[in-house]
C-alpha cells in the first residue's frame, strides 16, 4: 500500500481534516497498545501513521497561517499613508 500524498490532505475540508487527524492519532494509540501486548505484527505502521499525522497537521497549520494573514492584511483606509505625525 503506497503512502498517502499531502495533496490528498489538501483536498479535504477543514472538518474532514480534523476528523482524519483524530482517526490517525487513534490508530497510533492502537498500534502502541498492540505493541505493549505483543500483538503487533507490522512495525512499519508506526512510521506510516506518524508521517500521515505530520502531513495532516502541516496542512492544518498552513490553513491557520493563511487565515491569520488574510485577516491581518486588511487595508487600513482611515489614515492616509503620506501624512506623518510629529
PDB file of N, CA and C in Angstrom:
ATOM      1  N   UNK A   1       0.839  -1.182   0.000  1.00  0.00           N
ATOM      2  CA  UNK A   1       0.000   0.000   0.000  1.00  0.00           C
ATOM      3  C   UNK A   1       0.885   1.247   0.000  1.00  0.00           C
ATOM      4  N   UNK A   2       0.735   2.130  -0.984  1.00  0.00           N
ATOM      5  CA  UNK A   2       1.557   3.334  -1.031  1.00  0.00           C
ATOM      6  C   UNK A   2       1.138   4.322   0.061  1.00  0.00           C
ATOM      7  N   UNK A   3       2.102   5.124   0.457  1.00  0.00           N
ATOM      8  CA  UNK A   3       1.817   6.140   1.463  1.00  0.00           C
ATOM      9  C   UNK A   3       0.936   7.226   0.860  1.00  0.00           C
ATOM     10  N   UNK A   4       0.022   7.807   1.646  1.00  0.00           N
ATOM     11  CA  UNK A   4      -0.830   8.880   1.115  1.00  0.00           C
ATOM     12  C   UNK A   4      -0.006  10.136   0.839  1.00  0.00           C
ATOM     13  N   UNK A   5      -0.415  10.854  -0.160  1.00  0.00           N
ATOM     14  CA  UNK A   5       0.268  12.083  -0.554  1.00  0.00           C
ATOM     15  C   UNK A   5      -0.336  13.277   0.170  1.00  0.00           C
ATOM     16  N   UNK A   6       0.456  14.320   0.350  1.00  0.00           N
ATOM     17  CA  UNK A   6      -0.017  15.523   1.031  1.00  0.00           C
ATOM     18  C   UNK A   6      -1.087  16.227   0.195  1.00  0.00           C
ATOM     19  N   UNK A   7      -1.054  16.039  -1.129  1.00  0.00           N
ATOM     20  CA  UNK A   7      -2.075  16.662  -1.985  1.00  0.00           C
ATOM     21  C   UNK A   7      -3.467  16.132  -1.639  1.00  0.00           C
ATOM     22  N   UNK A   8      -3.535  14.872  -1.232  1.00  0.00           N
ATOM     23  CA  UNK A   8      -4.826  14.306  -0.835  1.00  0.00           C
ATOM     24  C   UNK A   8      -5.353  15.004   0.408  1.00  0.00           C
ATOM     25  N   UNK A   9      -4.469  15.351   1.321  1.00  0.00           N
ATOM     26  CA  UNK A   9      -4.875  16.041   2.544  1.00  0.00           C
ATOM     27  C   UNK A   9      -5.334  17.463   2.239  1.00  0.00           C
ATOM     28  N   UNK A  10      -4.716  18.086   1.246  1.00  0.00           N
ATOM     29  CA  UNK A  10      -5.095  19.457   0.904  1.00  0.00           C
ATOM     30  C   UNK A  10      -6.479  19.535   0.267  1.00  0.00           C
ATOM     31  N   UNK A  11      -6.960  18.436  -0.270  1.00  0.00           N
ATOM     32  CA  UNK A  11      -8.284  18.414  -0.899  1.00  0.00           C
ATOM     33  C   UNK A  11      -9.407  18.298   0.130  1.00  0.00           C
ATOM     34  N   UNK A  12      -9.077  17.950   1.379  1.00  0.00           N
ATOM     35  CA  UNK A  12     -10.088  17.755   2.407  1.00  0.00           C
ATOM     36  C   UNK A  12     -10.598  19.093   2.932  1.00  0.00           C
ATOM     37  N   UNK A  13     -11.837  19.095   3.403  1.00  0.00           N
ATOM     38  CA  UNK A  13     -12.376  20.287   4.052  1.00  0.00           C
ATOM     39  C   UNK A  13     -11.781  20.376   5.464  1.00  0.00           C
ATOM     40  N   UNK A  14     -12.032  21.487   6.133  1.00  0.00           N
ATOM     41  CA  UNK A  14     -11.485  21.668   7.477  1.00  0.00           C
ATOM     42  C   UNK A  14     -11.994  20.594   8.446  1.00  0.00           C
ATOM     43  N   UNK A  15     -13.280  20.293   8.386  1.00  0.00           N
ATOM     44  CA  UNK A  15     -13.854  19.296   9.287  1.00  0.00           C
ATOM     45  C   UNK A  15     -13.315  17.902   8.970  1.00  0.00           C
ATOM     46  N   UNK A  16     -13.219  17.572   7.688  1.00  0.00           N
ATOM     47  CA  UNK A  16     -12.670  16.272   7.296  1.00  0.00           C
ATOM     48  C   UNK A  16     -11.219  16.146   7.731  1.00  0.00           C
ATOM     49  N   UNK A  17     -10.479  17.244   7.640  1.00  0.00           N
ATOM     50  CA  UNK A  17      -9.082  17.251   8.058  1.00  0.00           C
ATOM     51  C   UNK A  17      -8.968  16.974   9.560  1.00  0.00           C
ATOM     52  N   UNK A  18      -9.793  17.642  10.348  1.00  0.00           N
ATOM     53  CA  UNK A  18      -9.783  17.417  11.795  1.00  0.00           C
ATOM     54  C   UNK A  18     -10.160  15.968  12.124  1.00  0.00           C
ATOM     55  N   UNK A  19     -11.135  15.426  11.410  1.00  0.00           N
ATOM     56  CA  UNK A  19     -11.541  14.036  11.627  1.00  0.00           C
ATOM     57  C   UNK A  19     -10.424  13.068  11.268  1.00  0.00           C
ATOM     58  N   UNK A  20      -9.713  13.344  10.182  1.00  0.00           N
ATOM     59  CA  UNK A  20      -8.599  12.491   9.759  1.00  0.00           C
ATOM     60  C   UNK A  20      -7.468  12.520  10.796  1.00  0.00           C
ATOM     61  N   UNK A  21      -7.182  13.696  11.346  1.00  0.00           N
ATOM     62  CA  UNK A  21      -6.139  13.808  12.369  1.00  0.00           C
ATOM     63  C   UNK A  21      -6.518  12.979  13.586  1.00  0.00           C
ATOM     64  N   UNK A  22      -7.762  13.104  14.008  1.00  0.00           N
ATOM     65  CA  UNK A  22      -8.230  12.345  15.166  1.00  0.00           C
ATOM     66  C   UNK A  22      -8.156  10.842  14.904  1.00  0.00           C
ATOM     67  N   UNK A  23      -8.558  10.413  13.721  1.00  0.00           N
ATOM     68  CA  UNK A  23      -8.524   8.988  13.383  1.00  0.00           C
ATOM     69  C   UNK A  23      -7.087   8.466  13.341  1.00  0.00           C
ATOM     70  N   UNK A  24      -6.167   9.255  12.813  1.00  0.00           N
ATOM     71  CA  UNK A  24      -4.772   8.826  12.742  1.00  0.00           C
ATOM     72  C   UNK A  24      -4.154   8.740  14.140  1.00  0.00           C
ATOM     73  N   UNK A  25      -4.499   9.681  15.003  1.00  0.00           N
ATOM     74  CA  UNK A  25      -3.993   9.633  16.376  1.00  0.00           C
ATOM     75  C   UNK A  25      -4.555   8.422  17.118  1.00  0.00           C
ATOM     76  N   UNK A  26      -5.817   8.112  16.870  1.00  0.00           N
ATOM     77  CA  UNK A  26      -6.408   6.902  17.469  1.00  0.00           C
ATOM     78  C   UNK A  26      -5.691   5.648  16.988  1.00  0.00           C
ATOM     79  N   UNK A  27      -5.389   5.617  15.686  1.00  0.00           N
ATOM     80  CA  UNK A  27      -4.705   4.463  15.117  1.00  0.00           C
ATOM     81  C   UNK A  27      -3.312   4.313  15.736  1.00  0.00           C
ATOM     82  N   UNK A  28      -2.621   5.416  15.953  1.00  0.00           N
ATOM     83  CA  UNK A  28      -1.309   5.363  16.579  1.00  0.00           C
ATOM     84  C   UNK A  28      -1.416   4.831  18.010  1.00  0.00           C
ATOM     85  N   UNK A  29      -2.453   5.240  18.718  1.00  0.00           N
ATOM     86  CA  UNK A  29      -2.691   4.731  20.066  1.00  0.00           C
ATOM     87  C   UNK A  29      -2.922   3.217  20.034  1.00  0.00           C
ATOM     88  N   UNK A  30      -3.730   2.777  19.084  1.00  0.00           N
ATOM     89  CA  UNK A  30      -3.995   1.338  18.961  1.00  0.00           C
ATOM     90  C   UNK A  30      -2.722   0.565  18.643  1.00  0.00           C
ATOM     91  N   UNK A  31      -1.876   1.136  17.806  1.00  0.00           N
ATOM     92  CA  UNK A  31      -0.605   0.480  17.499  1.00  0.00           C
ATOM     93  C   UNK A  31       0.265   0.360  18.742  1.00  0.00           C
ATOM     94  N   UNK A  32       0.276   1.398  19.564  1.00  0.00           N
ATOM     95  CA  UNK A  32       1.047   1.343  20.811  1.00  0.00           C
ATOM     96  C   UNK A  32       0.498   0.273  21.747  1.00  0.00           C
ATOM     97  N   UNK A  33      -0.812   0.168  21.802  1.00  0.00           N
ATOM     98  CA  UNK A  33      -1.433  -0.871  22.647  1.00  0.00           C
ATOM     99  C   UNK A  33      -1.076  -2.262  22.131  1.00  0.00           C
ATOM    100  N   UNK A  34      -1.099  -2.443  20.821  1.00  0.00           N
ATOM    101  CA  UNK A  34      -0.744  -3.737  20.253  1.00  0.00           C
ATOM    102  C   UNK A  34       0.715  -4.074  20.532  1.00  0.00           C
ATOM    103  N   UNK A  35       1.559  -3.081  20.481  1.00  0.00           N
ATOM    104  CA  UNK A  35       2.976  -3.316  20.762  1.00  0.00           C
ATOM    105  C   UNK A  35       3.164  -3.707  22.227  1.00  0.00           C
ATOM    106  N   UNK A  36       2.444  -3.035  23.114  1.00  0.00           N
ATOM    107  CA  UNK A  36       2.578  -3.317  24.546  1.00  0.00           C
ATOM    108  C   UNK A  36       2.085  -4.723  24.893  1.00  0.00           C
ATOM    109  N   UNK A  37       1.080  -5.184  24.176  1.00  0.00           N
ATOM    110  CA  UNK A  37       0.539  -6.519  24.448  1.00  0.00           C
ATOM    111  C   UNK A  37       1.143  -7.576  23.525  1.00  0.00           C
ATOM    112  N   UNK A  38       2.162  -7.182  22.772  1.00  0.00           N
ATOM    113  CA  UNK A  38       2.902  -8.077  21.874  1.00  0.00           C
ATOM    114  C   UNK A  38       2.022  -8.705  20.789  1.00  0.00           C
ATOM    115  N   UNK A  39       1.081  -7.951  20.279  1.00  0.00           N
ATOM    116  CA  UNK A  39       0.232  -8.424  19.187  1.00  0.00           C
ATOM    117  C   UNK A  39       0.532  -7.699  17.873  1.00  0.00           C
ATOM    118  N   UNK A  40       1.495  -6.793  17.885  1.00  0.00           N
ATOM    119  CA  UNK A  40       1.810  -6.013  16.698  1.00  0.00           C
ATOM    120  C   UNK A  40       2.664  -6.834  15.740  1.00  0.00           C
ATOM    121  N   UNK A  41       2.210  -6.945  14.514  1.00  0.00           N
ATOM    122  CA  UNK A  41       2.943  -7.725  13.520  1.00  0.00           C
ATOM    123  C   UNK A  41       3.672  -6.841  12.521  1.00  0.00           C
ATOM    124  N   UNK A  42       3.156  -5.678  12.237  1.00  0.00           N
ATOM    125  CA  UNK A  42       3.725  -4.814  11.199  1.00  0.00           C
ATOM    126  C   UNK A  42       4.283  -3.535  11.844  1.00  0.00           C
ATOM    127  N   UNK A  43       5.570  -3.562  12.140  1.00  0.00           N
ATOM    128  CA  UNK A  43       6.226  -2.432  12.799  1.00  0.00           C
ATOM    129  C   UNK A  43       6.224  -1.170  11.950  1.00  0.00           C
ATOM    130  N   UNK A  44       6.220  -1.313  10.632  1.00  0.00           N
ATOM    131  CA  UNK A  44       6.283  -0.150   9.744  1.00  0.00           C
ATOM    132  C   UNK A  44       5.041   0.732   9.830  1.00  0.00           C
ATOM    133  N   UNK A  45       3.967   0.234  10.409  1.00  0.00           N
ATOM    134  CA  UNK A  45       2.746   1.036  10.520  1.00  0.00           C
ATOM    135  C   UNK A  45       2.955   2.254  11.422  1.00  0.00           C
ATOM    136  N   UNK A  46       3.878   2.160  12.378  1.00  0.00           N
ATOM    137  CA  UNK A  46       4.195   3.320  13.208  1.00  0.00           C
ATOM    138  C   UNK A  46       4.684   4.476  12.344  1.00  0.00           C
ATOM    139  N   UNK A  47       5.642   4.175  11.478  1.00  0.00           N
ATOM    140  CA  UNK A  47       6.220   5.201  10.614  1.00  0.00           C
ATOM    141  C   UNK A  47       5.164   5.796   9.699  1.00  0.00           C
ATOM    142  N   UNK A  48       4.349   4.958   9.103  1.00  0.00           N
ATOM    143  CA  UNK A  48       3.317   5.437   8.182  1.00  0.00           C
ATOM    144  C   UNK A  48       2.301   6.314   8.899  1.00  0.00           C
ATOM    145  N   UNK A  49       1.898   5.899  10.083  1.00  0.00           N
ATOM    146  CA  UNK A  49       0.892   6.662  10.822  1.00  0.00           C
ATOM    147  C   UNK A  49       1.451   7.999  11.296  1.00  0.00           C
ATOM    148  N   UNK A  50       2.671   7.986  11.812  1.00  0.00           N
ATOM    149  CA  UNK A  50       3.279   9.255  12.251  1.00  0.00           C
ATOM    150  C   UNK A  50       3.464  10.206  11.078  1.00  0.00           C
ATOM    151  N   UNK A  51       3.835   9.677   9.932  1.00  0.00           N
ATOM    152  CA  UNK A  51       4.003  10.512   8.734  1.00  0.00           C
ATOM    153  C   UNK A  51       2.663  11.114   8.315  1.00  0.00           C
ATOM    154  N   UNK A  52       1.614  10.325   8.355  1.00  0.00           N
ATOM    155  CA  UNK A  52       0.283  10.813   7.983  1.00  0.00           C
ATOM    156  C   UNK A  52      -0.179  11.919   8.939  1.00  0.00           C
ATOM    157  N   UNK A  53       0.053  11.725  10.225  1.00  0.00           N
ATOM    158  CA  UNK A  53      -0.315  12.753  11.205  1.00  0.00           C
ATOM    159  C   UNK A  53       0.452  14.042  10.913  1.00  0.00           C
ATOM    160  N   UNK A  54       1.726  13.924  10.613  1.00  0.00           N
ATOM    161  CA  UNK A  54       2.545  15.106  10.305  1.00  0.00           C
ATOM    162  C   UNK A  54       2.020  15.820   9.067  1.00  0.00           C
ATOM    163  N   UNK A  55       1.650  15.066   8.040  1.00  0.00           N
ATOM    164  CA  UNK A  55       1.104  15.674   6.823  1.00  0.00           C
ATOM    165  C   UNK A  55      -0.182  16.437   7.128  1.00  0.00           C
ATOM    166  N   UNK A  56      -1.075  15.787   7.857  1.00  0.00           N
ATOM    167  CA  UNK A  56      -2.369  16.398   8.149  1.00  0.00           C
ATOM    168  C   UNK A  56      -2.212  17.647   9.012  1.00  0.00           C
ATOM    169  N   UNK A  57      -1.337  17.573  10.006  1.00  0.00           N
ATOM    170  CA  UNK A  57      -1.152  18.719  10.882  1.00  0.00           C
ATOM    171  C   UNK A  57      -0.445  19.864  10.151  1.00  0.00           C
ATOM    172  N   UNK A  58       0.403  19.545   9.205  1.00  0.00           N
ATOM    173  CA  UNK A  58       1.055  20.579   8.399  1.00  0.00           C
ATOM    174  C   UNK A  58       0.024  21.328   7.556  1.00  0.00           C
ATOM    175  N   UNK A  59      -0.870  20.596   6.935  1.00  0.00           N
ATOM    176  CA  UNK A  59      -1.921  21.221   6.124  1.00  0.00           C
ATOM    177  C   UNK A  59      -2.819  22.084   7.011  1.00  0.00           C
ATOM    178  N   UNK A  60      -3.148  21.576   8.195  1.00  0.00           N
ATOM    179  CA  UNK A  60      -3.979  22.338   9.123  1.00  0.00           C
ATOM    180  C   UNK A  60      -3.281  23.648   9.521  1.00  0.00           C
ATOM    181  N   UNK A  61      -1.992  23.582   9.800  1.00  0.00           N
ATOM    182  CA  UNK A  61      -1.240  24.775  10.185  1.00  0.00           C
ATOM    183  C   UNK A  61      -1.112  25.756   9.026  1.00  0.00           C
ATOM    184  N   UNK A  62      -0.927  25.244   7.820  1.00  0.00           N
ATOM    185  CA  UNK A  62      -0.870  26.115   6.644  1.00  0.00           C
ATOM    186  C   UNK A  62      -2.164  26.913   6.514  1.00  0.00           C
ATOM    187  N   UNK A  63      -3.282  26.244   6.748  1.00  0.00           N
ATOM    188  CA  UNK A  63      -4.581  26.930   6.649  1.00  0.00           C
ATOM    189  C   UNK A  63      -4.743  27.964   7.747  1.00  0.00           C
ATOM    190  N   UNK A  64      -4.250  27.667   8.960  1.00  0.00           N
ATOM    191  CA  UNK A  64      -4.328  28.633  10.052  1.00  0.00           C
ATOM    192  C   UNK A  64      -3.498  29.873   9.732  1.00  0.00           C
ATOM    193  N   UNK A  65      -2.308  29.672   9.198  1.00  0.00           N
ATOM    194  CA  UNK A  65      -1.439  30.794   8.858  1.00  0.00           C
ATOM    195  C   UNK A  65      -2.055  31.633   7.747  1.00  0.00           C
ATOM    196  N   UNK A  66      -2.603  30.981   6.744  1.00  0.00           N
ATOM    197  CA  UNK A  66      -3.242  31.694   5.644  1.00  0.00           C
ATOM    198  C   UNK A  66      -4.427  32.516   6.138  1.00  0.00           C
ATOM    199  N   UNK A  67      -5.214  31.932   7.029  1.00  0.00           N
ATOM    200  CA  UNK A  67      -6.380  32.637   7.565  1.00  0.00           C
ATOM    201  C   UNK A  67      -5.956  33.838   8.403  1.00  0.00           C
ATOM    202  N   UNK A  68      -4.911  33.691   9.210  1.00  0.00           N
ATOM    203  CA  UNK A  68      -4.472  34.812  10.050  1.00  0.00           C
ATOM    204  C   UNK A  68      -3.836  35.911   9.208  1.00  0.00           C
ATOM    205  N   UNK A  69      -3.123  35.550   8.154  1.00  0.00           N
ATOM    206  CA  UNK A  69      -2.518  36.563   7.287  1.00  0.00           C
ATOM    207  C   UNK A  69      -3.578  37.333   6.513  1.00  0.00           C
ATOM    208  N   UNK A  70      -4.592  36.648   6.075  1.00  0.00           N
ATOM    209  CA  UNK A  70      -5.633  37.338   5.318  1.00  0.00           C
ATOM    210  C   UNK A  70      -6.451  38.267   6.212  1.00  0.00           C
ATOM    211  N   UNK A  71      -6.591  37.922   7.485  1.00  0.00           N
ATOM    212  CA  UNK A  71      -7.346  38.791   8.386  1.00  0.00           C
ATOM    213  C   UNK A  71      -6.518  39.977   8.866  1.00  0.00           C
ATOM    214  N   UNK A  72      -5.207  39.816   8.973  1.00  0.00           N
ATOM    215  CA  UNK A  72      -4.368  40.925   9.442  1.00  0.00           C
ATOM    216  C   UNK A  72      -3.934  41.848   8.317  1.00  0.00           C
ATOM    217  N   UNK A  73      -4.071  41.439   7.080  1.00  0.00           N
ATOM    218  CA  UNK A  73      -3.653  42.264   5.958  1.00  0.00           C
ATOM    219  C   UNK A  73      -4.795  43.107   5.398  1.00  0.00           C
ATOM    220  N   UNK A  74      -5.843  43.287   6.155  1.00  0.00           N
ATOM    221  CA  UNK A  74      -6.937  44.139   5.710  1.00  0.00           C
ATOM    222  C   UNK A  74      -6.421  45.572   5.633  1.00  0.00           C
ATOM    223  N   UNK A  75      -6.642  46.258   4.533  1.00  0.00           N
ATOM    224  CA  UNK A  75      -6.110  47.616   4.374  1.00  0.00           C
ATOM    225  C   UNK A  75      -6.773  48.585   5.347  1.00  0.00           C
ATOM    226  N   UNK A  76      -5.966  49.447   5.909  1.00  0.00           N
ATOM    227  CA  UNK A  76      -6.443  50.469   6.832  1.00  0.00           C
ATOM    228  C   UNK A  76      -6.700  51.741   6.032  1.00  0.00           C
ATOM    229  N   UNK A  77      -7.953  52.044   5.757  1.00  0.00           N
ATOM    230  CA  UNK A  77      -8.305  53.166   4.892  1.00  0.00           C
ATOM    231  C   UNK A  77      -8.563  54.456   5.663  1.00  0.00           C
ATOM    232  N   UNK A  78      -8.471  54.427   6.984  1.00  0.00           N
ATOM    233  CA  UNK A  78      -8.768  55.611   7.776  1.00  0.00           C
ATOM    234  C   UNK A  78      -7.624  56.628   7.773  1.00  0.00           C
ATOM    235  N   UNK A  79      -6.371  56.174   7.733  1.00  0.00           N
ATOM    236  CA  UNK A  79      -5.227  57.061   7.831  1.00  0.00           C
ATOM    237  C   UNK A  79      -4.482  57.084   6.514  1.00  0.00           C
ATOM    238  N   UNK A  80      -4.285  58.259   5.935  1.00  0.00           N
ATOM    239  CA  UNK A  80      -3.506  58.345   4.699  1.00  0.00           C
ATOM    240  C   UNK A  80      -2.045  57.955   4.980  1.00  0.00           C
ATOM    241  N   UNK A  81      -1.406  57.333   4.030  1.00  0.00           N
ATOM    242  CA  UNK A  81      -0.032  56.870   4.230  1.00  0.00           C
ATOM    243  C   UNK A  81       0.994  57.964   4.052  1.00  0.00           C
ATOM    244  N   UNK A  82       0.641  59.069   3.393  1.00  0.00           N
ATOM    245  CA  UNK A  82       1.620  60.124   3.141  1.00  0.00           C
ATOM    246  C   UNK A  82       1.666  61.165   4.268  1.00  0.00           C
ATOM    247  N   UNK A  83       0.799  61.061   5.268  1.00  0.00           N
ATOM    248  CA  UNK A  83       0.778  62.009   6.376  1.00  0.00           C
ATOM    249  C   UNK A  83       1.605  61.439   7.529  1.00  0.00           C
ATOM    250  N   UNK A  84       2.570  62.234   8.003  1.00  0.00           N
ATOM    251  CA  UNK A  84       3.400  61.782   9.112  1.00  0.00           C
ATOM    252  C   UNK A  84       3.032  62.558  10.356  1.00  0.00           C
ATOM    253  N   UNK A  85       2.989  61.830  11.476  1.00  0.00           N
ATOM    254  CA  UNK A  85       2.690  62.502  12.753  1.00  0.00           C
ATOM    255  C   UNK A  85       3.977  62.955  13.407  1.00  0.00           C
ATOM    256  N   UNK A  86       3.951  64.146  13.988  1.00  0.00           N
ATOM    257  CA  UNK A  86       5.153  64.672  14.653  1.00  0.00           C
ATOM    258  C   UNK A  86       4.919  64.834  16.096  1.00  0.00           C
TER     259      UNK A  86
END
